[in-house]
């Protein structure tokens, strides 16, 4: 090989190797997840955070309060059917978890361990 071909091959391989971390960053941004290996978290955009703060959180807090009221009203029927835990979880815990445990702008509550 000539010096020119050797230099061109080394330059092409080096450029390709330096492009790998950039490509990994682009893939990570397209998947919209964090790079933390311990947790699989979403990385929401600013507009998702604003919408969550102004629209979703107040509605979820209201759903938690209404659900608590409905839970108290239906408690005798739930006790008769033996499903107090399921009714409490569906009417109070799930909306409360979505309102208070979920990160701002995320779609899933809590952390998921790998």
PDB file of N, CA and C in Angstrom:
ATOM      1  N   UNK A   1       0.828  -1.181   0.000  1.00  0.00           N
ATOM      2  CA  UNK A   1       0.000   0.000   0.000  1.00  0.00           C
ATOM      3  C   UNK A   1       0.875   1.248   0.000  1.00  0.00           C
ATOM      4  N   UNK A   2       0.338   2.230  -0.580  1.00  0.00           N
ATOM      5  CA  UNK A   2       1.084   3.481  -0.586  1.00  0.00           C
ATOM      6  C   UNK A   2       0.800   4.240   0.699  1.00  0.00           C
ATOM      7  N   UNK A   3       1.573   5.229   0.949  1.00  0.00           N
ATOM      8  CA  UNK A   3       1.398   6.047   2.143  1.00  0.00           C
ATOM      9  C   UNK A   3       0.038   6.737   2.146  1.00  0.00           C
ATOM     10  N   UNK A   4      -0.410   7.177   0.980  1.00  0.00           N
ATOM     11  CA  UNK A   4      -1.699   7.867   0.871  1.00  0.00           C
ATOM     12  C   UNK A   4      -2.852   6.922   1.233  1.00  0.00           C
ATOM     13  N   UNK A   5      -2.821   5.696   0.727  1.00  0.00           N
ATOM     14  CA  UNK A   5      -3.889   4.735   1.027  1.00  0.00           C
ATOM     15  C   UNK A   5      -3.892   4.327   2.492  1.00  0.00           C
ATOM     16  N   UNK A   6      -2.723   4.148   3.063  1.00  0.00           N
ATOM     17  CA  UNK A   6      -2.626   3.803   4.476  1.00  0.00           C
ATOM     18  C   UNK A   6      -3.172   4.933   5.344  1.00  0.00           C
ATOM     19  N   UNK A   7      -2.776   6.147   5.026  1.00  0.00           N
ATOM     20  CA  UNK A   7      -3.256   7.310   5.786  1.00  0.00           C
ATOM     21  C   UNK A   7      -4.767   7.471   5.629  1.00  0.00           C
ATOM     22  N   UNK A   8      -5.306   7.258   4.440  1.00  0.00           N
ATOM     23  CA  UNK A   8      -6.746   7.358   4.202  1.00  0.00           C
ATOM     24  C   UNK A   8      -7.498   6.285   4.982  1.00  0.00           C
ATOM     25  N   UNK A   9      -6.962   5.062   5.027  1.00  0.00           N
ATOM     26  CA  UNK A   9      -7.616   3.982   5.767  1.00  0.00           C
ATOM     27  C   UNK A   9      -7.616   4.260   7.266  1.00  0.00           C
ATOM     28  N   UNK A  10      -6.497   4.725   7.795  1.00  0.00           N
ATOM     29  CA  UNK A  10      -6.410   5.052   9.223  1.00  0.00           C
ATOM     30  C   UNK A  10      -7.362   6.199   9.558  1.00  0.00           C
ATOM     31  N   UNK A  11      -7.420   7.202   8.709  1.00  0.00           N
ATOM     32  CA  UNK A  11      -8.313   8.339   8.936  1.00  0.00           C
ATOM     33  C   UNK A  11      -9.776   7.900   8.898  1.00  0.00           C
ATOM     34  N   UNK A  12     -10.133   7.023   7.968  1.00  0.00           N
ATOM     35  CA  UNK A  12     -11.511   6.541   7.868  1.00  0.00           C
ATOM     36  C   UNK A  12     -11.896   5.718   9.093  1.00  0.00           C
ATOM     37  N   UNK A  13     -11.015   4.833   9.537  1.00  0.00           N
ATOM     38  CA  UNK A  13     -11.305   4.016  10.724  1.00  0.00           C
ATOM     39  C   UNK A  13     -11.402   4.867  11.984  1.00  0.00           C
ATOM     40  N   UNK A  14     -10.510   5.833  12.126  1.00  0.00           N
ATOM     41  CA  UNK A  14     -10.537   6.709  13.298  1.00  0.00           C
ATOM     42  C   UNK A  14     -11.805   7.542  13.328  1.00  0.00           C
ATOM     43  N   UNK A  15     -12.197   8.085  12.194  1.00  0.00           N
ATOM     44  CA  UNK A  15     -13.428   8.867  12.130  1.00  0.00           C
ATOM     45  C   UNK A  15     -14.633   7.999  12.475  1.00  0.00           C
ATOM     46  N   UNK A  16     -14.655   6.769  11.989  1.00  0.00           N
ATOM     47  CA  UNK A  16     -15.751   5.859  12.303  1.00  0.00           C
ATOM     48  C   UNK A  16     -15.827   5.528  13.779  1.00  0.00           C
ATOM     49  N   UNK A  17     -14.677   5.330  14.412  1.00  0.00           N
ATOM     50  CA  UNK A  17     -14.662   5.024  15.848  1.00  0.00           C
ATOM     51  C   UNK A  17     -15.076   6.225  16.685  1.00  0.00           C
ATOM     52  N   UNK A  18     -14.690   7.423  16.261  1.00  0.00           N
ATOM     53  CA  UNK A  18     -15.084   8.618  17.010  1.00  0.00           C
ATOM     54  C   UNK A  18     -16.568   8.935  16.838  1.00  0.00           C
ATOM     55  N   UNK A  19     -17.181   8.453  15.795  1.00  0.00           N
ATOM     56  CA  UNK A  19     -18.595   8.713  15.548  1.00  0.00           C
ATOM     57  C   UNK A  19     -19.504   7.800  16.360  1.00  0.00           C
ATOM     58  N   UNK A  20     -18.987   6.699  16.909  1.00  0.00           N
ATOM     59  CA  UNK A  20     -19.824   5.769  17.657  1.00  0.00           C
ATOM     60  C   UNK A  20     -20.475   6.394  18.890  1.00  0.00           C
ATOM     61  N   UNK A  21     -19.751   7.128  19.758  1.00  0.00           N
ATOM     62  CA  UNK A  21     -20.429   7.740  20.903  1.00  0.00           C
ATOM     63  C   UNK A  21     -21.485   8.766  20.485  1.00  0.00           C
ATOM     64  N   UNK A  22     -21.244   9.476  19.412  1.00  0.00           N
ATOM     65  CA  UNK A  22     -22.237  10.439  18.936  1.00  0.00           C
ATOM     66  C   UNK A  22     -23.494   9.702  18.497  1.00  0.00           C
ATOM     67  N   UNK A  23     -23.330   8.613  17.792  1.00  0.00           N
ATOM     68  CA  UNK A  23     -24.476   7.825  17.345  1.00  0.00           C
ATOM     69  C   UNK A  23     -25.236   7.251  18.537  1.00  0.00           C
ATOM     70  N   UNK A  24     -24.526   6.818  19.568  1.00  0.00           N
ATOM     71  CA  UNK A  24     -25.191   6.298  20.766  1.00  0.00           C
ATOM     72  C   UNK A  24     -26.001   7.392  21.450  1.00  0.00           C
ATOM     73  N   UNK A  25     -25.474   8.608  21.490  1.00  0.00           N
ATOM     74  CA  UNK A  25     -26.218   9.721  22.076  1.00  0.00           C
ATOM     75  C   UNK A  25     -27.470  10.038  21.292  1.00  0.00           C
ATOM     76  N   UNK A  26     -27.390   9.958  19.971  1.00  0.00           N
ATOM     77  CA  UNK A  26     -28.565  10.209  19.129  1.00  0.00           C
ATOM     78  C   UNK A  26     -29.612   9.127  19.359  1.00  0.00           C
ATOM     79  N   UNK A  27     -29.191   7.876  19.449  1.00  0.00           N
ATOM     80  CA  UNK A  27     -30.125   6.776  19.716  1.00  0.00           C
ATOM     81  C   UNK A  27     -30.819   6.974  21.058  1.00  0.00           C
ATOM     82  N   UNK A  28     -30.055   7.392  22.061  1.00  0.00           N
ATOM     83  CA  UNK A  28     -30.612   7.584  23.394  1.00  0.00           C
ATOM     84  C   UNK A  28     -31.624   8.724  23.390  1.00  0.00           C
ATOM     85  N   UNK A  29     -31.359   9.796  22.674  1.00  0.00           N
ATOM     86  CA  UNK A  29     -32.301  10.908  22.597  1.00  0.00           C
ATOM     87  C   UNK A  29     -33.570  10.499  21.867  1.00  0.00           C
ATOM     88  N   UNK A  30     -33.439   9.673  20.838  1.00  0.00           N
ATOM     89  CA  UNK A  30     -34.608   9.242  20.088  1.00  0.00           C
ATOM     90  C   UNK A  30     -35.489   8.322  20.919  1.00  0.00           C
ATOM     91  N   UNK A  31     -34.888   7.528  21.811  1.00  0.00           N
ATOM     92  CA  UNK A  31     -35.674   6.645  22.665  1.00  0.00           C
ATOM     93  C   UNK A  31     -36.245   7.377  23.862  1.00  0.00           C
ATOM     94  N   UNK A  32     -35.752   8.592  24.154  1.00  0.00           N
ATOM     95  CA  UNK A  32     -36.258   9.445  25.216  1.00  0.00           C
ATOM     96  C   UNK A  32     -36.147   8.784  26.595  1.00  0.00           C
ATOM     97  N   UNK A  33     -34.986   8.186  26.890  1.00  0.00           N
ATOM     98  CA  UNK A  33     -34.744   7.588  28.196  1.00  0.00           C
ATOM     99  C   UNK A  33     -33.449   8.143  28.760  1.00  0.00           C
ATOM    100  N   UNK A  34     -33.271   8.001  30.037  1.00  0.00           N
ATOM    101  CA  UNK A  34     -32.050   8.473  30.666  1.00  0.00           C
ATOM    102  C   UNK A  34     -30.945   7.437  30.473  1.00  0.00           C
ATOM    103  N   UNK A  35     -29.707   7.841  30.709  1.00  0.00           N
ATOM    104  CA  UNK A  35     -28.585   6.930  30.556  1.00  0.00           C
ATOM    105  C   UNK A  35     -28.217   6.216  31.838  1.00  0.00           C
ATOM    106  N   UNK A  36     -28.988   6.391  32.901  1.00  0.00           N
ATOM    107  CA  UNK A  36     -28.703   5.775  34.178  1.00  0.00           C
ATOM    108  C   UNK A  36     -29.022   4.285  34.111  1.00  0.00           C
ATOM    109  N   UNK A  37     -28.034   3.406  34.322  1.00  0.00           N
ATOM    110  CA  UNK A  37     -28.310   1.969  34.200  1.00  0.00           C
ATOM    111  C   UNK A  37     -29.136   1.414  35.360  1.00  0.00           C
ATOM    112  N   UNK A  38     -29.188   2.124  36.492  1.00  0.00           N
ATOM    113  CA  UNK A  38     -29.927   1.616  37.639  1.00  0.00           C
ATOM    114  C   UNK A  38     -31.427   1.759  37.439  1.00  0.00           C
ATOM    115  N   UNK A  39     -31.838   2.861  36.879  1.00  0.00           N
ATOM    116  CA  UNK A  39     -33.256   3.133  36.690  1.00  0.00           C
ATOM    117  C   UNK A  39     -33.548   3.374  35.220  1.00  0.00           C
ATOM    118  N   UNK A  40     -34.712   2.951  34.811  1.00  0.00           N
ATOM    119  CA  UNK A  40     -35.165   3.262  33.468  1.00  0.00           C
ATOM    120  C   UNK A  40     -36.161   4.401  33.617  1.00  0.00           C
ATOM    121  N   UNK A  41     -35.684   5.598  33.401  1.00  0.00           N
ATOM    122  CA  UNK A  41     -36.518   6.779  33.565  1.00  0.00           C
ATOM    123  C   UNK A  41     -36.776   7.420  32.224  1.00  0.00           C
ATOM    124  N   UNK A  42     -37.883   8.095  32.154  1.00  0.00           N
ATOM    125  CA  UNK A  42     -38.154   8.880  30.977  1.00  0.00           C
ATOM    126  C   UNK A  42     -37.449  10.222  31.109  1.00  0.00           C
ATOM    127  N   UNK A  43     -37.165  10.838  30.000  1.00  0.00           N
ATOM    128  CA  UNK A  43     -36.595  12.177  29.986  1.00  0.00           C
ATOM    129  C   UNK A  43     -37.577  13.076  29.254  1.00  0.00           C
ATOM    130  N   UNK A  44     -38.617  13.557  29.959  1.00  0.00           N
ATOM    131  CA  UNK A  44     -39.671  14.303  29.280  1.00  0.00           C
ATOM    132  C   UNK A  44     -39.196  15.678  28.804  1.00  0.00           C
ATOM    133  N   UNK A  45     -39.839  16.157  27.773  1.00  0.00           N
ATOM    134  CA  UNK A  45     -39.561  17.482  27.227  1.00  0.00           C
ATOM    135  C   UNK A  45     -40.226  18.536  28.103  1.00  0.00           C
ATOM    136  N   UNK A  46     -39.854  19.797  27.894  1.00  0.00           N
ATOM    137  CA  UNK A  46     -40.375  20.904  28.716  1.00  0.00           C
ATOM    138  C   UNK A  46     -41.879  21.058  28.551  1.00  0.00           C
ATOM    139  N   UNK A  47     -42.392  20.925  27.326  1.00  0.00           N
ATOM    140  CA  UNK A  47     -43.832  21.083  27.132  1.00  0.00           C
ATOM    141  C   UNK A  47     -44.622  19.983  27.830  1.00  0.00           C
ATOM    142  N   UNK A  48     -44.045  18.794  27.948  1.00  0.00           N
ATOM    143  CA  UNK A  48     -44.714  17.712  28.677  1.00  0.00           C
ATOM    144  C   UNK A  48     -44.761  18.025  30.169  1.00  0.00           C
ATOM    145  N   UNK A  49     -43.699  18.629  30.684  1.00  0.00           N
ATOM    146  CA  UNK A  49     -43.668  19.005  32.099  1.00  0.00           C
ATOM    147  C   UNK A  49     -44.688  20.100  32.403  1.00  0.00           C
ATOM    148  N   UNK A  50     -44.775  21.092  31.522  1.00  0.00           N
ATOM    149  CA  UNK A  50     -45.731  22.189  31.736  1.00  0.00           C
ATOM    150  C   UNK A  50     -47.156  21.663  31.670  1.00  0.00           C
ATOM    151  N   UNK A  51     -47.459  20.834  30.679  1.00  0.00           N
ATOM    152  CA  UNK A  51     -48.796  20.255  30.577  1.00  0.00           C
ATOM    153  C   UNK A  51     -49.139  19.393  31.768  1.00  0.00           C
ATOM    154  N   UNK A  52     -48.156  18.655  32.252  1.00  0.00           N
ATOM    155  CA  UNK A  52     -48.367  17.810  33.424  1.00  0.00           C
ATOM    156  C   UNK A  52     -48.639  18.666  34.655  1.00  0.00           C
ATOM    157  N   UNK A  53     -47.877  19.729  34.813  1.00  0.00           N
ATOM    158  CA  UNK A  53     -48.034  20.598  35.981  1.00  0.00           C
ATOM    159  C   UNK A  53     -49.366  21.337  35.978  1.00  0.00           C
ATOM    160  N   UNK A  54     -49.774  21.845  34.828  1.00  0.00           N
ATOM    161  CA  UNK A  54     -50.964  22.692  34.767  1.00  0.00           C
ATOM    162  C   UNK A  54     -52.261  21.925  34.542  1.00  0.00           C
ATOM    163  N   UNK A  55     -52.193  20.756  33.911  1.00  0.00           N
ATOM    164  CA  UNK A  55     -53.428  20.040  33.569  1.00  0.00           C
ATOM    165  C   UNK A  55     -53.544  18.700  34.303  1.00  0.00           C
ATOM    166  N   UNK A  56     -52.548  17.845  34.134  1.00  0.00           N
ATOM    167  CA  UNK A  56     -52.676  16.474  34.630  1.00  0.00           C
ATOM    168  C   UNK A  56     -52.643  16.389  36.154  1.00  0.00           C
ATOM    169  N   UNK A  57     -51.711  17.081  36.790  1.00  0.00           N
ATOM    170  CA  UNK A  57     -51.602  16.962  38.257  1.00  0.00           C
ATOM    171  C   UNK A  57     -52.853  17.449  38.981  1.00  0.00           C
ATOM    172  N   UNK A  58     -53.399  18.624  38.635  1.00  0.00           N
ATOM    173  CA  UNK A  58     -54.639  19.016  39.323  1.00  0.00           C
ATOM    174  C   UNK A  58     -55.785  18.027  39.105  1.00  0.00           C
ATOM    175  N   UNK A  59     -55.897  17.475  37.890  1.00  0.00           N
ATOM    176  CA  UNK A  59     -56.950  16.491  37.637  1.00  0.00           C
ATOM    177  C   UNK A  59     -56.725  15.206  38.428  1.00  0.00           C
ATOM    178  N   UNK A  60     -55.471  14.784  38.553  1.00  0.00           N
ATOM    179  CA  UNK A  60     -55.182  13.573  39.320  1.00  0.00           C
ATOM    180  C   UNK A  60     -55.407  13.779  40.817  1.00  0.00           C
ATOM    181  N   UNK A  61     -55.072  14.956  41.310  1.00  0.00           N
ATOM    182  CA  UNK A  61     -55.336  15.245  42.728  1.00  0.00           C
ATOM    183  C   UNK A  61     -56.840  15.264  42.980  1.00  0.00           C
ATOM    184  N   UNK A  62     -57.609  15.872  42.063  1.00  0.00           N
ATOM    185  CA  UNK A  62     -59.068  15.872  42.189  1.00  0.00           C
ATOM    186  C   UNK A  62     -59.613  14.448  42.117  1.00  0.00           C
ATOM    187  N   UNK A  63     -59.056  13.630  41.243  1.00  0.00           N
ATOM    188  CA  UNK A  63     -59.497  12.231  41.140  1.00  0.00           C
ATOM    189  C   UNK A  63     -59.194  11.467  42.422  1.00  0.00           C
ATOM    190  N   UNK A  64     -58.077  11.797  43.073  1.00  0.00           N
ATOM    191  CA  UNK A  64     -57.746  11.140  44.340  1.00  0.00           C
ATOM    192  C   UNK A  64     -58.753  11.523  45.419  1.00  0.00           C
ATOM    193  N   UNK A  65     -59.112  12.804  45.488  1.00  0.00           N
ATOM    194  CA  UNK A  65     -60.076  13.265  46.493  1.00  0.00           C
ATOM    195  C   UNK A  65     -61.459  12.675  46.226  1.00  0.00           C
ATOM    196  N   UNK A  66     -61.897  12.705  44.972  1.00  0.00           N
ATOM    197  CA  UNK A  66     -63.200  12.127  44.628  1.00  0.00           C
ATOM    198  C   UNK A  66     -63.188  10.616  44.872  1.00  0.00           C
ATOM    199  N   UNK A  67     -62.098   9.964  44.527  1.00  0.00           N
ATOM    200  CA  UNK A  67     -61.979   8.531  44.766  1.00  0.00           C
ATOM    201  C   UNK A  67     -62.037   8.186  46.240  1.00  0.00           C
ATOM    202  N   UNK A  68     -61.425   9.024  47.081  1.00  0.00           N
ATOM    203  CA  UNK A  68     -61.492   8.784  48.525  1.00  0.00           C
ATOM    204  C   UNK A  68     -62.928   8.912  49.021  1.00  0.00           C
ATOM    205  N   UNK A  69     -63.640   9.908  48.503  1.00  0.00           N
ATOM    206  CA  UNK A  69     -65.051  10.054  48.879  1.00  0.00           C
ATOM    207  C   UNK A  69     -65.883   8.869  48.428  1.00  0.00           C
ATOM    208  N   UNK A  70     -65.665   8.433  47.200  1.00  0.00           N
ATOM    209  CA  UNK A  70     -66.397   7.267  46.701  1.00  0.00           C
ATOM    210  C   UNK A  70     -66.039   6.008  47.467  1.00  0.00           C
ATOM    211  N   UNK A  71     -64.778   5.901  47.875  1.00  0.00           N
ATOM    212  CA  UNK A  71     -64.362   4.741  48.661  1.00  0.00           C
ATOM    213  C   UNK A  71     -65.109   4.688  49.984  1.00  0.00           C
ATOM    214  N   UNK A  72     -65.255   5.832  50.639  1.00  0.00           N
ATOM    215  CA  UNK A  72     -65.974   5.874  51.915  1.00  0.00           C
ATOM    216  C   UNK A  72     -67.453   5.540  51.705  1.00  0.00           C
ATOM    217  N   UNK A  73     -68.028   6.068  50.616  1.00  0.00           N
ATOM    218  CA  UNK A  73     -69.443   5.805  50.347  1.00  0.00           C
ATOM    219  C   UNK A  73     -69.676   4.325  50.038  1.00  0.00           C
ATOM    220  N   UNK A  74     -68.789   3.719  49.278  1.00  0.00           N
ATOM    221  CA  UNK A  74     -68.986   2.317  48.880  1.00  0.00           C
ATOM    222  C   UNK A  74     -68.354   1.321  49.843  1.00  0.00           C
ATOM    223  N   UNK A  75     -67.825   1.804  50.955  1.00  0.00           N
ATOM    224  CA  UNK A  75     -67.163   0.914  51.910  1.00  0.00           C
ATOM    225  C   UNK A  75     -68.061  -0.203  52.435  1.00  0.00           C
ATOM    226  N   UNK A  76     -69.335   0.054  52.757  1.00  0.00           N
ATOM    227  CA  UNK A  76     -70.170  -1.070  53.218  1.00  0.00           C
ATOM    228  C   UNK A  76     -70.353  -2.151  52.148  1.00  0.00           C
ATOM    229  N   UNK A  77     -70.470  -1.732  50.905  1.00  0.00           N
ATOM    230  CA  UNK A  77     -70.646  -2.710  49.834  1.00  0.00           C
ATOM    231  C   UNK A  77     -69.344  -3.474  49.568  1.00  0.00           C
ATOM    232  N   UNK A  78     -68.221  -2.765  49.667  1.00  0.00           N
ATOM    233  CA  UNK A  78     -66.923  -3.419  49.492  1.00  0.00           C
ATOM    234  C   UNK A  78     -66.661  -4.414  50.621  1.00  0.00           C
ATOM    235  N   UNK A  79     -67.049  -4.028  51.830  1.00  0.00           N
ATOM    236  CA  UNK A  79     -66.868  -4.937  52.964  1.00  0.00           C
ATOM    237  C   UNK A  79     -67.733  -6.172  52.801  1.00  0.00           C
ATOM    238  N   UNK A  80     -68.958  -5.980  52.302  1.00  0.00           N
ATOM    239  CA  UNK A  80     -69.845  -7.126  52.074  1.00  0.00           C
ATOM    240  C   UNK A  80     -69.292  -8.051  50.998  1.00  0.00           C
ATOM    241  N   UNK A  81     -68.645  -7.474  50.002  1.00  0.00           N
ATOM    242  CA  UNK A  81     -68.082  -8.287  48.925  1.00  0.00           C
ATOM    243  C   UNK A  81     -66.689  -8.792  49.219  1.00  0.00           C
ATOM    244  N   UNK A  82     -66.074  -8.288  50.272  1.00  0.00           N
ATOM    245  CA  UNK A  82     -64.742  -8.747  50.658  1.00  0.00           C
ATOM    246  C   UNK A  82     -63.615  -8.195  49.796  1.00  0.00           C
ATOM    247  N   UNK A  83     -63.822  -7.043  49.199  1.00  0.00           N
ATOM    248  CA  UNK A  83     -62.774  -6.477  48.348  1.00  0.00           C
ATOM    249  C   UNK A  83     -62.455  -5.032  48.729  1.00  0.00           C
ATOM    250  N   UNK A  84     -62.267  -4.795  50.009  1.00  0.00           N
ATOM    251  CA  UNK A  84     -61.937  -3.450  50.483  1.00  0.00           C
ATOM    252  C   UNK A  84     -60.575  -3.023  49.940  1.00  0.00           C
ATOM    253  N   UNK A  85     -59.613  -3.914  49.951  1.00  0.00           N
ATOM    254  CA  UNK A  85     -58.267  -3.589  49.471  1.00  0.00           C
ATOM    255  C   UNK A  85     -58.240  -3.221  47.997  1.00  0.00           C
ATOM    256  N   UNK A  86     -58.961  -3.997  47.189  1.00  0.00           N
ATOM    257  CA  UNK A  86     -58.992  -3.705  45.756  1.00  0.00           C
ATOM    258  C   UNK A  86     -59.690  -2.386  45.469  1.00  0.00           C
ATOM    259  N   UNK A  87     -60.785  -2.107  46.192  1.00  0.00           N
ATOM    260  CA  UNK A  87     -61.500  -0.849  45.989  1.00  0.00           C
ATOM    261  C   UNK A  87     -60.639   0.333  46.413  1.00  0.00           C
ATOM    262  N   UNK A  88     -59.946   0.212  47.532  1.00  0.00           N
ATOM    263  CA  UNK A  88     -59.072   1.292  47.984  1.00  0.00           C
ATOM    264  C   UNK A  88     -57.920   1.536  47.032  1.00  0.00           C
ATOM    265  N   UNK A  89     -57.379   0.461  46.510  1.00  0.00           N
ATOM    266  CA  UNK A  89     -56.275   0.607  45.567  1.00  0.00           C
ATOM    267  C   UNK A  89     -56.741   1.279  44.280  1.00  0.00           C
ATOM    268  N   UNK A  90     -57.899   0.860  43.763  1.00  0.00           N
ATOM    269  CA  UNK A  90     -58.386   1.405  42.497  1.00  0.00           C
ATOM    270  C   UNK A  90     -58.867   2.843  42.633  1.00  0.00           C
ATOM    271  N   UNK A  91     -59.522   3.172  43.746  1.00  0.00           N
ATOM    272  CA  UNK A  91     -60.130   4.497  43.879  1.00  0.00           C
ATOM    273  C   UNK A  91     -59.209   5.544  44.489  1.00  0.00           C
ATOM    274  N   UNK A  92     -58.266   5.138  45.345  1.00  0.00           N
ATOM    275  CA  UNK A  92     -57.451   6.120  46.060  1.00  0.00           C
ATOM    276  C   UNK A  92     -55.960   5.984  45.735  1.00  0.00           C
ATOM    277  N   UNK A  93     -55.427   4.785  45.847  1.00  0.00           N
ATOM    278  CA  UNK A  93     -53.974   4.600  45.737  1.00  0.00           C
ATOM    279  C   UNK A  93     -53.462   4.863  44.327  1.00  0.00           C
ATOM    280  N   UNK A  94     -54.105   4.309  43.314  1.00  0.00           N
ATOM    281  CA  UNK A  94     -53.624   4.479  41.943  1.00  0.00           C
ATOM    282  C   UNK A  94     -53.639   5.939  41.479  1.00  0.00           C
ATOM    283  N   UNK A  95     -54.740   6.695  41.661  1.00  0.00           N
ATOM    284  CA  UNK A  95     -54.683   8.113  41.279  1.00  0.00           C
ATOM    285  C   UNK A  95     -53.701   8.904  42.141  1.00  0.00           C
ATOM    286  N   UNK A  96     -53.598   8.574  43.417  1.00  0.00           N
ATOM    287  CA  UNK A  96     -52.640   9.263  44.285  1.00  0.00           C
ATOM    288  C   UNK A  96     -51.209   8.973  43.899  1.00  0.00           C
ATOM    289  N   UNK A  97     -50.936   7.741  43.523  1.00  0.00           N
ATOM    290  CA  UNK A  97     -49.598   7.370  43.079  1.00  0.00           C
ATOM    291  C   UNK A  97     -49.243   8.099  41.783  1.00  0.00           C
ATOM    292  N   UNK A  98     -50.198   8.191  40.871  1.00  0.00           N
ATOM    293  CA  UNK A  98     -49.948   8.902  39.619  1.00  0.00           C
ATOM    294  C   UNK A  98     -49.775  10.401  39.848  1.00  0.00           C
ATOM    295  N   UNK A  99     -50.423  10.940  40.871  1.00  0.00           N
ATOM    296  CA  UNK A  99     -50.332  12.379  41.132  1.00  0.00           C
ATOM    297  C   UNK A  99     -49.077  12.746  41.903  1.00  0.00           C
ATOM    298  N   UNK A 100     -48.639  11.918  42.842  1.00  0.00           N
ATOM    299  CA  UNK A 100     -47.582  12.329  43.753  1.00  0.00           C
ATOM    300  C   UNK A 100     -46.266  11.575  43.621  1.00  0.00           C
ATOM    301  N   UNK A 101     -46.234  10.409  43.004  1.00  0.00           N
ATOM    302  CA  UNK A 101     -45.009   9.613  42.922  1.00  0.00           C
ATOM    303  C   UNK A 101     -44.333   9.772  41.563  1.00  0.00           C
ATOM    304  N   UNK A 102     -45.108  10.042  40.546  1.00  0.00           N
ATOM    305  CA  UNK A 102     -44.602  10.141  39.175  1.00  0.00           C
ATOM    306  C   UNK A 102     -43.776  11.411  38.992  1.00  0.00           C
ATOM    307  N   UNK A 103     -42.681  11.310  38.228  1.00  0.00           N
ATOM    308  CA  UNK A 103     -41.873  12.497  37.966  1.00  0.00           C
ATOM    309  C   UNK A 103     -42.631  13.440  37.030  1.00  0.00           C
ATOM    310  N   UNK A 104     -42.279  14.695  37.060  1.00  0.00           N
ATOM    311  CA  UNK A 104     -42.992  15.711  36.305  1.00  0.00           C
ATOM    312  C   UNK A 104     -42.812  15.480  34.807  1.00  0.00           C
ATOM    313  N   UNK A 105     -43.901  15.209  34.115  1.00  0.00           N
ATOM    314  CA  UNK A 105     -43.860  14.970  32.684  1.00  0.00           C
ATOM    315  C   UNK A 105     -43.742  13.512  32.293  1.00  0.00           C
ATOM    316  N   UNK A 106     -43.474  12.625  33.246  1.00  0.00           N
ATOM    317  CA  UNK A 106     -43.346  11.196  32.939  1.00  0.00           C
ATOM    318  C   UNK A 106     -44.724  10.569  32.783  1.00  0.00           C
ATOM    319  N   UNK A 107     -44.761   9.433  32.134  1.00  0.00           N
ATOM    320  CA  UNK A 107     -46.036   8.753  31.934  1.00  0.00           C
ATOM    321  C   UNK A 107     -46.242   7.580  32.876  1.00  0.00           C
ATOM    322  N   UNK A 108     -45.183   7.100  33.523  1.00  0.00           N
ATOM    323  CA  UNK A 108     -45.301   5.975  34.444  1.00  0.00           C
ATOM    324  C   UNK A 108     -44.931   6.405  35.852  1.00  0.00           C
ATOM    325  N   UNK A 109     -45.584   5.807  36.838  1.00  0.00           N
ATOM    326  CA  UNK A 109     -45.339   6.157  38.234  1.00  0.00           C
ATOM    327  C   UNK A 109     -44.154   5.399  38.770  1.00  0.00           C
ATOM    328  N   UNK A 110     -43.349   6.071  39.618  1.00  0.00           N
ATOM    329  CA  UNK A 110     -42.258   5.432  40.324  1.00  0.00           C
ATOM    330  C   UNK A 110     -41.083   5.087  39.449  1.00  0.00           C
ATOM    331  N   UNK A 111     -40.173   4.306  40.013  1.00  0.00           N
ATOM    332  CA  UNK A 111     -38.956   3.878  39.324  1.00  0.00           C
ATOM    333  C   UNK A 111     -39.076   2.413  38.975  1.00  0.00           C
ATOM    334  N   UNK A 112     -38.466   2.042  37.862  1.00  0.00           N
ATOM    335  CA  UNK A 112     -38.411   0.638  37.468  1.00  0.00           C
ATOM    336  C   UNK A 112     -36.984   0.178  37.554  1.00  0.00           C
ATOM    337  N   UNK A 113     -36.731  -0.814  38.367  1.00  0.00           N
ATOM    338  CA  UNK A 113     -35.378  -1.367  38.479  1.00  0.00           C
ATOM    339  C   UNK A 113     -35.174  -2.381  37.371  1.00  0.00           C
ATOM    340  N   UNK A 114     -33.950  -2.393  36.828  1.00  0.00           N
ATOM    341  CA  UNK A 114     -33.617  -3.362  35.778  1.00  0.00           C
ATOM    342  C   UNK A 114     -33.376  -4.731  36.347  1.00  0.00           C
TER     343      UNK A 114
END
